[in-house]
PDB file of all heavy atoms in Angstrom:
ATOM      1  N   GLU A   1     -55.919 -46.643   9.467  1.00  0.00           N
ATOM      2  CA  GLU A   1     -56.701 -47.680  10.197  1.00  0.00           C
ATOM      3  C   GLU A   1     -56.895 -48.978   9.315  1.00  0.00           C
ATOM      4  O   GLU A   1     -57.486 -49.948   9.717  1.00  0.00           O
ATOM      5  CB  GLU A   1     -58.064 -47.208  10.548  1.00  0.00           C
ATOM      6  CG  GLU A   1     -57.987 -45.995  11.533  1.00  0.00           C
ATOM      7  CD  GLU A   1     -59.413 -45.477  11.950  1.00  0.00           C
ATOM      8  OE1 GLU A   1     -60.426 -46.065  11.311  1.00  0.00           O
ATOM      9  OE2 GLU A   1     -59.520 -44.531  12.714  1.00  0.00           O
ATOM     10  N   ALA A   2     -56.298 -48.973   8.098  1.00  0.00           N
ATOM     11  CA  ALA A   2     -56.352 -50.183   7.307  1.00  0.00           C
ATOM     12  C   ALA A   2     -55.672 -51.375   7.966  1.00  0.00           C
ATOM     13  O   ALA A   2     -54.601 -51.187   8.498  1.00  0.00           O
ATOM     14  CB  ALA A   2     -55.660 -49.892   5.936  1.00  0.00           C
ATOM     15  N   PRO A   3     -56.267 -52.530   7.933  1.00  0.00           N
ATOM     16  CA  PRO A   3     -55.646 -53.724   8.589  1.00  0.00           C
ATOM     17  C   PRO A   3     -54.370 -54.061   7.793  1.00  0.00           C
ATOM     18  O   PRO A   3     -54.366 -54.097   6.564  1.00  0.00           O
ATOM     19  CB  PRO A   3     -56.730 -54.811   8.388  1.00  0.00           C
ATOM     20  CG  PRO A   3     -57.651 -54.362   7.318  1.00  0.00           C
ATOM     21  CD  PRO A   3     -57.587 -52.864   7.364  1.00  0.00           C
ATOM     22  N   ALA A   4     -53.349 -54.302   8.518  1.00  0.00           N
ATOM     23  CA  ALA A   4     -52.019 -54.614   7.821  1.00  0.00           C
ATOM     24  C   ALA A   4     -52.020 -56.001   7.311  1.00  0.00           C
ATOM     25  O   ALA A   4     -52.502 -56.954   7.899  1.00  0.00           O
ATOM     26  CB  ALA A   4     -50.914 -54.505   8.929  1.00  0.00           C
ATOM     27  N   GLU A   5     -51.545 -56.103   6.047  1.00  0.00           N
ATOM     28  CA  GLU A   5     -51.376 -57.464   5.365  1.00  0.00           C
ATOM     29  C   GLU A   5     -49.943 -57.558   4.936  1.00  0.00           C
ATOM     30  O   GLU A   5     -49.379 -56.599   4.377  1.00  0.00           O
ATOM     31  CB  GLU A   5     -52.339 -57.575   4.229  1.00  0.00           C
ATOM     32  CG  GLU A   5     -52.147 -58.860   3.489  1.00  0.00           C
ATOM     33  CD  GLU A   5     -53.519 -59.512   3.194  1.00  0.00           C
ATOM     34  OE1 GLU A   5     -54.584 -58.906   3.482  1.00  0.00           O
ATOM     35  OE2 GLU A   5     -53.518 -60.683   2.760  1.00  0.00           O
ATOM     36  N   ALA A   6     -49.344 -58.736   5.156  1.00  0.00           N
ATOM     37  CA  ALA A   6     -47.878 -58.948   4.799  1.00  0.00           C
ATOM     38  C   ALA A   6     -47.739 -59.027   3.321  1.00  0.00           C
ATOM     39  O   ALA A   6     -48.482 -59.820   2.653  1.00  0.00           O
ATOM     40  CB  ALA A   6     -47.340 -60.103   5.544  1.00  0.00           C
ATOM     41  N   PHE A   7     -46.769 -58.399   2.741  1.00  0.00           N
ATOM     42  CA  PHE A   7     -46.398 -58.470   1.343  1.00  0.00           C
ATOM     43  C   PHE A   7     -44.893 -58.635   1.118  1.00  0.00           C
ATOM     44  O   PHE A   7     -44.179 -58.123   1.959  1.00  0.00           O
ATOM     45  CB  PHE A   7     -46.866 -57.174   0.581  1.00  0.00           C
ATOM     46  CG  PHE A   7     -48.290 -57.157   0.142  1.00  0.00           C
ATOM     47  CD1 PHE A   7     -49.297 -56.864   1.074  1.00  0.00           C
ATOM     48  CD2 PHE A   7     -48.663 -57.347  -1.153  1.00  0.00           C
ATOM     49  CE1 PHE A   7     -50.637 -56.802   0.750  1.00  0.00           C
ATOM     50  CE2 PHE A   7     -50.029 -57.276  -1.537  1.00  0.00           C
ATOM     51  CZ  PHE A   7     -50.937 -57.013  -0.624  1.00  0.00           C
ATOM     52  N   VAL A   8     -44.546 -59.233  -0.009  1.00  0.00           N
ATOM     53  CA  VAL A   8     -43.128 -59.194  -0.468  1.00  0.00           C
ATOM     54  C   VAL A   8     -43.034 -57.953  -1.425  1.00  0.00           C
ATOM     55  O   VAL A   8     -43.863 -57.716  -2.283  1.00  0.00           O
ATOM     56  CB  VAL A   8     -42.721 -60.431  -1.225  1.00  0.00           C
ATOM     57  CG1 VAL A   8     -41.405 -60.346  -1.867  1.00  0.00           C
ATOM     58  CG2 VAL A   8     -42.822 -61.642  -0.285  1.00  0.00           C
ATOM     59  N   LEU A   9     -41.998 -57.158  -1.243  1.00  0.00           N
ATOM     60  CA  LEU A   9     -41.724 -56.020  -2.043  1.00  0.00           C
ATOM     61  C   LEU A   9     -40.856 -56.339  -3.164  1.00  0.00           C
ATOM     62  O   LEU A   9     -39.681 -56.575  -2.968  1.00  0.00           O
ATOM     63  CB  LEU A   9     -41.191 -54.882  -1.156  1.00  0.00           C
ATOM     64  CG  LEU A   9     -40.916 -53.525  -1.875  1.00  0.00           C
ATOM     65  CD1 LEU A   9     -42.196 -52.946  -2.426  1.00  0.00           C
ATOM     66  CD2 LEU A   9     -40.285 -52.559  -0.845  1.00  0.00           C
ATOM     67  N   ASP A  10     -41.376 -56.528  -4.415  1.00  0.00           N
ATOM     68  CA  ASP A  10     -40.555 -56.936  -5.567  1.00  0.00           C
ATOM     69  C   ASP A  10     -40.116 -55.710  -6.334  1.00  0.00           C
ATOM     70  O   ASP A  10     -40.951 -54.929  -6.869  1.00  0.00           O
ATOM     71  CB  ASP A  10     -41.464 -57.845  -6.443  1.00  0.00           C
ATOM     72  CG  ASP A  10     -40.696 -58.527  -7.584  1.00  0.00           C
ATOM     73  OD1 ASP A  10     -39.694 -57.922  -8.023  1.00  0.00           O
ATOM     74  OD2 ASP A  10     -41.036 -59.660  -7.894  1.00  0.00           O
ATOM     75  N   VAL A  11     -38.812 -55.526  -6.396  1.00  0.00           N
ATOM     76  CA  VAL A  11     -38.294 -54.295  -7.061  1.00  0.00           C
ATOM     77  C   VAL A  11     -37.490 -54.689  -8.353  1.00  0.00           C
ATOM     78  O   VAL A  11     -36.656 -53.893  -8.787  1.00  0.00           O
ATOM     79  CB  VAL A  11     -37.371 -53.559  -6.087  1.00  0.00           C
ATOM     80  CG1 VAL A  11     -38.264 -52.940  -4.930  1.00  0.00           C
ATOM     81  CG2 VAL A  11     -36.229 -54.354  -5.524  1.00  0.00           C
ATOM     82  N   GLU A  12     -37.689 -55.869  -8.818  1.00  0.00           N
ATOM     83  CA  GLU A  12     -36.916 -56.355 -10.053  1.00  0.00           C
ATOM     84  C   GLU A  12     -37.121 -55.473 -11.255  1.00  0.00           C
ATOM     85  O   GLU A  12     -36.283 -55.342 -12.107  1.00  0.00           O
ATOM     86  CB  GLU A  12     -37.316 -57.817 -10.343  1.00  0.00           C
ATOM     87  CG  GLU A  12     -36.534 -58.451 -11.422  1.00  0.00           C
ATOM     88  CD  GLU A  12     -36.778 -59.936 -11.659  1.00  0.00           C
ATOM     89  OE1 GLU A  12     -37.559 -60.535 -10.800  1.00  0.00           O
ATOM     90  OE2 GLU A  12     -36.266 -60.494 -12.637  1.00  0.00           O
ATOM     91  N   ALA A  13     -38.318 -54.909 -11.371  1.00  0.00           N
ATOM     92  CA  ALA A  13     -38.649 -54.137 -12.569  1.00  0.00           C
ATOM     93  C   ALA A  13     -38.072 -52.687 -12.558  1.00  0.00           C
ATOM     94  O   ALA A  13     -38.153 -51.962 -13.527  1.00  0.00           O
ATOM     95  CB  ALA A  13     -40.195 -54.002 -12.765  1.00  0.00           C
ATOM     96  N   LEU A  14     -37.486 -52.249 -11.400  1.00  0.00           N
ATOM     97  CA  LEU A  14     -36.947 -50.997 -11.289  1.00  0.00           C
ATOM     98  C   LEU A  14     -35.471 -50.896 -11.786  1.00  0.00           C
ATOM     99  O   LEU A  14     -34.686 -51.863 -11.504  1.00  0.00           O
ATOM    100  CB  LEU A  14     -36.999 -50.442  -9.818  1.00  0.00           C
ATOM    101  CG  LEU A  14     -38.361 -50.383  -9.279  1.00  0.00           C
ATOM    102  CD1 LEU A  14     -38.266 -49.853  -7.841  1.00  0.00           C
ATOM    103  CD2 LEU A  14     -39.326 -49.567 -10.133  1.00  0.00           C
ATOM    104  N   PRO A  15     -35.011 -49.820 -12.454  1.00  0.00           N
ATOM    105  CA  PRO A  15     -33.588 -49.731 -12.986  1.00  0.00           C
ATOM    106  C   PRO A  15     -32.588 -49.627 -11.866  1.00  0.00           C
ATOM    107  O   PRO A  15     -31.532 -50.127 -11.994  1.00  0.00           O
ATOM    108  CB  PRO A  15     -33.654 -48.466 -13.904  1.00  0.00           C
ATOM    109  CG  PRO A  15     -34.856 -47.680 -13.336  1.00  0.00           C
ATOM    110  CD  PRO A  15     -35.858 -48.649 -12.837  1.00  0.00           C
ATOM    111  N   ASN A  16     -32.863 -48.841 -10.819  1.00  0.00           N
ATOM    112  CA  ASN A  16     -31.943 -48.682  -9.733  1.00  0.00           C
ATOM    113  C   ASN A  16     -32.639 -48.818  -8.344  1.00  0.00           C
ATOM    114  O   ASN A  16     -32.877 -47.839  -7.622  1.00  0.00           O
ATOM    115  CB  ASN A  16     -31.355 -47.237  -9.833  1.00  0.00           C
ATOM    116  CG  ASN A  16     -30.614 -46.993 -11.116  1.00  0.00           C
ATOM    117  OD1 ASN A  16     -29.614 -47.695 -11.412  1.00  0.00           O
ATOM    118  ND2 ASN A  16     -31.095 -46.077 -11.958  1.00  0.00           N
ATOM    119  N   PRO A  17     -33.006 -50.017  -8.034  1.00  0.00           N
ATOM    120  CA  PRO A  17     -33.744 -50.292  -6.740  1.00  0.00           C
ATOM    121  C   PRO A  17     -33.011 -49.834  -5.501  1.00  0.00           C
ATOM    122  O   PRO A  17     -33.688 -49.486  -4.571  1.00  0.00           O
ATOM    123  CB  PRO A  17     -34.040 -51.759  -6.856  1.00  0.00           C
ATOM    124  CG  PRO A  17     -33.008 -52.354  -7.725  1.00  0.00           C
ATOM    125  CD  PRO A  17     -32.692 -51.292  -8.702  1.00  0.00           C
ATOM    126  N   ALA A  18     -31.688 -49.918  -5.512  1.00  0.00           N
ATOM    127  CA  ALA A  18     -30.917 -49.452  -4.396  1.00  0.00           C
ATOM    128  C   ALA A  18     -31.047 -47.988  -4.079  1.00  0.00           C
ATOM    129  O   ALA A  18     -30.785 -47.571  -2.893  1.00  0.00           O
ATOM    130  CB  ALA A  18     -29.430 -49.823  -4.575  1.00  0.00           C
ATOM    131  N   ASP A  19     -31.507 -47.192  -5.031  1.00  0.00           N
ATOM    132  CA  ASP A  19     -31.648 -45.746  -4.824  1.00  0.00           C
ATOM    133  C   ASP A  19     -33.037 -45.387  -4.294  1.00  0.00           C
ATOM    134  O   ASP A  19     -33.315 -44.190  -4.058  1.00  0.00           O
ATOM    135  CB  ASP A  19     -31.407 -45.023  -6.157  1.00  0.00           C
ATOM    136  CG  ASP A  19     -29.960 -45.138  -6.643  1.00  0.00           C
ATOM    137  OD1 ASP A  19     -29.090 -45.383  -5.735  1.00  0.00           O
ATOM    138  OD2 ASP A  19     -29.745 -44.988  -7.845  1.00  0.00           O
ATOM    139  N   LEU A  20     -33.910 -46.405  -4.166  1.00  0.00           N
ATOM    140  CA  LEU A  20     -35.297 -46.076  -3.633  1.00  0.00           C
ATOM    141  C   LEU A  20     -35.208 -45.446  -2.191  1.00  0.00           C
ATOM    142  O   LEU A  20     -34.316 -45.908  -1.374  1.00  0.00           O
ATOM    143  CB  LEU A  20     -36.060 -47.382  -3.525  1.00  0.00           C
ATOM    144  CG  LEU A  20     -36.979 -47.720  -4.649  1.00  0.00           C
ATOM    145  CD1 LEU A  20     -37.647 -49.059  -4.402  1.00  0.00           C
ATOM    146  CD2 LEU A  20     -38.127 -46.704  -4.870  1.00  0.00           C
ATOM    147  N   ASP A  21     -36.084 -44.540  -1.895  1.00  0.00           N
ATOM    148  CA  ASP A  21     -36.142 -43.940  -0.576  1.00  0.00           C
ATOM    149  C   ASP A  21     -37.068 -44.889   0.283  1.00  0.00           C
ATOM    150  O   ASP A  21     -38.202 -44.638   0.491  1.00  0.00           O
ATOM    151  CB  ASP A  21     -36.761 -42.552  -0.614  1.00  0.00           C
ATOM    152  CG  ASP A  21     -36.744 -41.871   0.686  1.00  0.00           C
ATOM    153  OD1 ASP A  21     -36.417 -42.481   1.686  1.00  0.00           O
ATOM    154  OD2 ASP A  21     -37.158 -40.686   0.760  1.00  0.00           O
ATOM    155  N   PHE A  22     -36.384 -46.015   0.755  1.00  0.00           N
ATOM    156  CA  PHE A  22     -37.179 -46.928   1.583  1.00  0.00           C
ATOM    157  C   PHE A  22     -37.780 -46.331   2.831  1.00  0.00           C
ATOM    158  O   PHE A  22     -38.809 -46.743   3.337  1.00  0.00           O
ATOM    159  CB  PHE A  22     -36.377 -48.182   1.893  1.00  0.00           C
ATOM    160  CG  PHE A  22     -36.093 -49.048   0.690  1.00  0.00           C
ATOM    161  CD1 PHE A  22     -34.989 -48.902  -0.090  1.00  0.00           C
ATOM    162  CD2 PHE A  22     -36.986 -50.077   0.368  1.00  0.00           C
ATOM    163  CE1 PHE A  22     -34.779 -49.703  -1.157  1.00  0.00           C
ATOM    164  CE2 PHE A  22     -36.762 -50.924  -0.688  1.00  0.00           C
ATOM    165  CZ  PHE A  22     -35.740 -50.684  -1.492  1.00  0.00           C
ATOM    166  N   GLY A  23     -37.018 -45.343   3.417  1.00  0.00           N
ATOM    167  CA  GLY A  23     -37.489 -44.674   4.647  1.00  0.00           C
ATOM    168  C   GLY A  23     -38.866 -44.024   4.438  1.00  0.00           C
ATOM    169  O   GLY A  23     -39.672 -43.838   5.336  1.00  0.00           O
ATOM    170  N   ARG A  24     -39.102 -43.556   3.196  1.00  0.00           N
ATOM    171  CA  ARG A  24     -40.429 -42.971   2.848  1.00  0.00           C
ATOM    172  C   ARG A  24     -41.374 -43.987   2.273  1.00  0.00           C
ATOM    173  O   ARG A  24     -42.581 -43.926   2.524  1.00  0.00           O
ATOM    174  CB  ARG A  24     -40.200 -41.835   1.866  1.00  0.00           C
ATOM    175  CG  ARG A  24     -41.456 -41.061   1.445  1.00  0.00           C
ATOM    176  CD  ARG A  24     -41.198 -40.119   0.372  1.00  0.00           C
ATOM    177  NE  ARG A  24     -42.464 -39.622  -0.220  1.00  0.00           N
ATOM    178  CZ  ARG A  24     -42.563 -38.966  -1.435  1.00  0.00           C
ATOM    179  NH1 ARG A  24     -41.497 -38.826  -2.169  1.00  0.00           N
ATOM    180  NH2 ARG A  24     -43.751 -38.580  -1.844  1.00  0.00           N
ATOM    181  N   LEU A  25     -40.801 -44.941   1.458  1.00  0.00           N
ATOM    182  CA  LEU A  25     -41.671 -45.926   0.796  1.00  0.00           C
ATOM    183  C   LEU A  25     -42.406 -46.863   1.820  1.00  0.00           C
ATOM    184  O   LEU A  25     -43.631 -47.084   1.644  1.00  0.00           O
ATOM    185  CB  LEU A  25     -40.826 -46.771  -0.112  1.00  0.00           C
ATOM    186  CG  LEU A  25     -41.564 -47.906  -0.764  1.00  0.00           C
ATOM    187  CD1 LEU A  25     -42.702 -47.542  -1.696  1.00  0.00           C
ATOM    188  CD2 LEU A  25     -40.498 -48.800  -1.574  1.00  0.00           C
ATOM    189  N   LEU A  26     -41.751 -47.395   2.770  1.00  0.00           N
ATOM    190  CA  LEU A  26     -42.348 -48.326   3.682  1.00  0.00           C
ATOM    191  C   LEU A  26     -43.555 -47.735   4.462  1.00  0.00           C
ATOM    192  O   LEU A  26     -44.573 -48.402   4.534  1.00  0.00           O
ATOM    193  CB  LEU A  26     -41.281 -48.940   4.626  1.00  0.00           C
ATOM    194  CG  LEU A  26     -40.169 -49.771   3.904  1.00  0.00           C
ATOM    195  CD1 LEU A  26     -39.198 -50.272   4.903  1.00  0.00           C
ATOM    196  CD2 LEU A  26     -40.726 -50.875   3.072  1.00  0.00           C
ATOM    197  N   PRO A  27     -43.404 -46.556   5.048  1.00  0.00           N
ATOM    198  CA  PRO A  27     -44.600 -45.967   5.739  1.00  0.00           C
ATOM    199  C   PRO A  27     -45.698 -45.657   4.693  1.00  0.00           C
ATOM    200  O   PRO A  27     -46.913 -45.819   5.066  1.00  0.00           O
ATOM    201  CB  PRO A  27     -44.039 -44.705   6.351  1.00  0.00           C
ATOM    202  CG  PRO A  27     -42.526 -44.904   6.512  1.00  0.00           C
ATOM    203  CD  PRO A  27     -42.153 -45.763   5.281  1.00  0.00           C
ATOM    204  N   LEU A  28     -45.334 -45.279   3.508  1.00  0.00           N
ATOM    205  CA  LEU A  28     -46.277 -44.925   2.443  1.00  0.00           C
ATOM    206  C   LEU A  28     -47.187 -46.225   2.191  1.00  0.00           C
ATOM    207  O   LEU A  28     -48.422 -46.131   2.016  1.00  0.00           O
ATOM    208  CB  LEU A  28     -45.560 -44.452   1.186  1.00  0.00           C
ATOM    209  CG  LEU A  28     -46.422 -44.044   0.003  1.00  0.00           C
ATOM    210  CD1 LEU A  28     -45.572 -43.016  -0.809  1.00  0.00           C
ATOM    211  CD2 LEU A  28     -46.691 -45.176  -0.931  1.00  0.00           C
ATOM    212  N   LEU A  29     -46.494 -47.349   2.132  1.00  0.00           N
ATOM    213  CA  LEU A  29     -47.278 -48.621   1.954  1.00  0.00           C
ATOM    214  C   LEU A  29     -48.010 -48.989   3.096  1.00  0.00           C
ATOM    215  O   LEU A  29     -49.167 -49.417   2.989  1.00  0.00           O
ATOM    216  CB  LEU A  29     -46.275 -49.753   1.557  1.00  0.00           C
ATOM    217  CG  LEU A  29     -45.409 -49.623   0.236  1.00  0.00           C
ATOM    218  CD1 LEU A  29     -44.422 -50.680   0.173  1.00  0.00           C
ATOM    219  CD2 LEU A  29     -46.412 -49.762  -0.947  1.00  0.00           C
ATOM    220  N   SER A  30     -47.507 -48.793   4.316  1.00  0.00           N
ATOM    221  CA  SER A  30     -48.130 -49.253   5.518  1.00  0.00           C
ATOM    222  C   SER A  30     -49.453 -48.507   5.756  1.00  0.00           C
ATOM    223  O   SER A  30     -50.440 -49.107   6.281  1.00  0.00           O
ATOM    224  CB  SER A  30     -47.166 -48.962   6.726  1.00  0.00           C
ATOM    225  OG  SER A  30     -47.764 -49.366   7.913  1.00  0.00           O
ATOM    226  N   ARG A  31     -49.496 -47.231   5.340  1.00  0.00           N
ATOM    227  CA  ARG A  31     -50.696 -46.433   5.547  1.00  0.00           C
ATOM    228  C   ARG A  31     -51.848 -47.008   4.674  1.00  0.00           C
ATOM    229  O   ARG A  31     -53.043 -46.617   4.920  1.00  0.00           O
ATOM    230  CB  ARG A  31     -50.471 -44.995   5.106  1.00  0.00           C
ATOM    231  CG  ARG A  31     -49.660 -44.116   6.152  1.00  0.00           C
ATOM    232  CD  ARG A  31     -49.766 -42.701   5.940  1.00  0.00           C
ATOM    233  NE  ARG A  31     -49.204 -42.343   4.646  1.00  0.00           N
ATOM    234  CZ  ARG A  31     -47.910 -41.998   4.533  1.00  0.00           C
ATOM    235  NH1 ARG A  31     -46.970 -42.045   5.548  1.00  0.00           N
ATOM    236  NH2 ARG A  31     -47.416 -41.589   3.309  1.00  0.00           N
TER     237      ARG A  31
END
């Protein structure tokens, strides 16, 4: 029920950002 706020997702600090599980990450953030 948290109100949604728009963010930029910055992955520059990660060694292999292309390997992130975005399908799991995005809902995890949205909650």
